[in-house]
Amino acid sequence: MSSQKFASLRYTALRLGLLVGCFAVVWVLCYVHVIPLGVGNSNLVWMILLALILSAPLSWVLLRKQRDAMSEQIVERVDRAKAKMAADAGQEDAVQ
């Protein structure tokens, strides 16, 4: 249970780290003129968009285990909330 306790936080941190890593790679490639810098003052926007486009499929492949652990954690929470709501509804019916 402790490995799944912070699954959402772990997935989010890894996803953000992957985005930062992709941004660093894009920045280096722009700095050494391997890829174009953009038009006018759009350089930062271009690099952010390219990093987002690169990090999305990478996270889909590389973070599969963390995403599955996070979904299990969410399903457990939803199931507990549904059970609690059903128990509360049963108590209300019993009181009336």
Protein backbone atom coordinates (compact mmCIF):
# COMPACT_ATOMS: atom_id res chain seq x y z
CA MET A 1 0.00 0.00 0.00
CA SER A 2 2.84 2.42 0.75
CA SER A 3 4.14 2.14 -2.82
CA GLN A 4 0.77 3.37 -4.09
CA LYS A 5 0.25 5.97 -1.38
CA PHE A 6 1.84 8.76 -3.39
CA ALA A 7 1.29 7.35 -6.88
CA SER A 8 -0.39 10.49 -8.22
CA LEU A 9 2.31 12.73 -6.83
CA ARG A 10 5.05 10.46 -8.19
CA TYR A 11 3.47 10.35 -11.66
CA THR A 12 3.04 14.12 -11.74
CA ALA A 13 6.62 14.73 -10.63
CA LEU A 14 7.98 12.28 -13.21
CA ARG A 15 5.85 13.82 -15.95
CA LEU A 16 7.08 17.30 -15.04
CA GLY A 17 10.67 16.05 -14.92
CA LEU A 18 10.28 14.51 -18.36
CA LEU A 19 8.91 17.81 -19.69
CA VAL A 20 11.84 19.73 -18.19
CA GLY A 21 14.27 17.20 -19.67
CA CYS A 22 12.69 17.52 -23.11
CA PHE A 23 12.83 21.31 -22.81
CA ALA A 24 16.54 21.12 -21.95
CA VAL A 25 17.21 18.93 -25.01
CA VAL A 26 15.22 21.28 -27.26
CA TRP A 27 17.03 24.30 -25.80
CA VAL A 28 20.43 22.73 -26.50
CA LEU A 29 19.39 21.80 -30.04
CA CYS A 30 18.22 25.38 -30.65
CA TYR A 31 21.39 26.79 -29.12
CA VAL A 32 23.64 24.79 -31.45
CA HIS A 33 21.30 25.58 -34.40
CA VAL A 34 20.34 21.97 -35.12
CA ILE A 35 16.66 22.96 -35.16
CA PRO A 36 15.32 26.41 -36.12
CA LEU A 37 14.92 29.04 -33.42
CA GLY A 38 11.49 30.23 -34.51
CA VAL A 39 10.34 33.51 -35.99
CA GLY A 40 10.99 36.82 -34.26
CA ASN A 41 10.42 36.63 -30.51
CA SER A 42 8.64 33.25 -30.64
CA ASN A 43 11.73 31.29 -29.60
CA LEU A 44 10.58 30.45 -26.05
CA VAL A 45 7.04 29.56 -27.16
CA TRP A 46 8.46 27.38 -29.94
CA MET A 47 10.75 25.53 -27.53
CA ILE A 48 7.95 24.97 -24.96
CA LEU A 49 5.56 23.65 -27.60
CA LEU A 50 8.19 21.35 -29.05
CA ALA A 51 9.06 20.06 -25.57
CA LEU A 52 5.37 19.37 -24.88
CA ILE A 53 4.99 17.52 -28.17
CA LEU A 54 8.08 15.41 -27.46
CA SER A 55 7.26 14.65 -23.82
CA ALA A 56 3.69 13.43 -24.43
CA PRO A 57 4.50 10.20 -26.32
CA LEU A 58 7.59 9.63 -24.19
CA SER A 59 5.53 9.79 -21.01
CA TRP A 60 2.94 7.45 -22.54
CA VAL A 61 5.63 4.81 -23.03
CA LEU A 62 8.07 5.48 -20.18
CA LEU A 63 5.60 6.18 -17.36
CA ARG A 64 3.17 3.31 -17.95
CA LYS A 65 3.79 1.64 -14.56
CA GLN A 66 3.36 4.89 -12.66
CA ARG A 67 0.20 5.74 -14.61
CA ASP A 68 -1.26 2.30 -13.84
CA ALA A 69 -0.42 2.69 -10.14
CA MET A 70 -2.05 6.11 -10.11
CA SER A 71 -5.21 4.78 -11.76
CA GLU A 72 -5.41 1.96 -9.20
CA GLN A 73 -5.12 4.53 -6.42
CA ILE A 74 -7.91 6.62 -7.94
CA VAL A 75 -10.16 3.58 -8.43
CA GLU A 76 -9.68 2.59 -4.77
CA ARG A 77 -10.63 6.08 -3.63
CA VAL A 78 -13.71 6.16 -5.83
CA ASP A 79 -14.80 2.73 -4.61
CA ARG A 80 -14.41 3.83 -0.97
CA ALA A 81 -16.41 6.99 -1.65
CA LYS A 82 -19.18 4.99 -3.35
CA ALA A 83 -19.32 2.53 -0.44
CA LYS A 84 -19.50 5.39 2.06
CA MET A 85 -22.29 7.07 0.10
CA ALA A 86 -24.22 3.78 -0.08
CA ALA A 87 -23.78 3.26 3.67
CA ASP A 88 -24.97 6.80 4.37
CA ALA A 89 -27.99 6.30 2.12
CA GLY A 90 -28.77 3.06 3.96
CA GLN A 91 -28.65 4.86 7.30
CA GLU A 92 -31.00 7.58 6.03
CA ASP A 93 -33.48 4.96 4.83
CA ALA A 94 -33.32 3.16 8.18
CA VAL A 95 -33.99 6.37 10.14
CA GLN A 96 -37.08 7.32 8.15
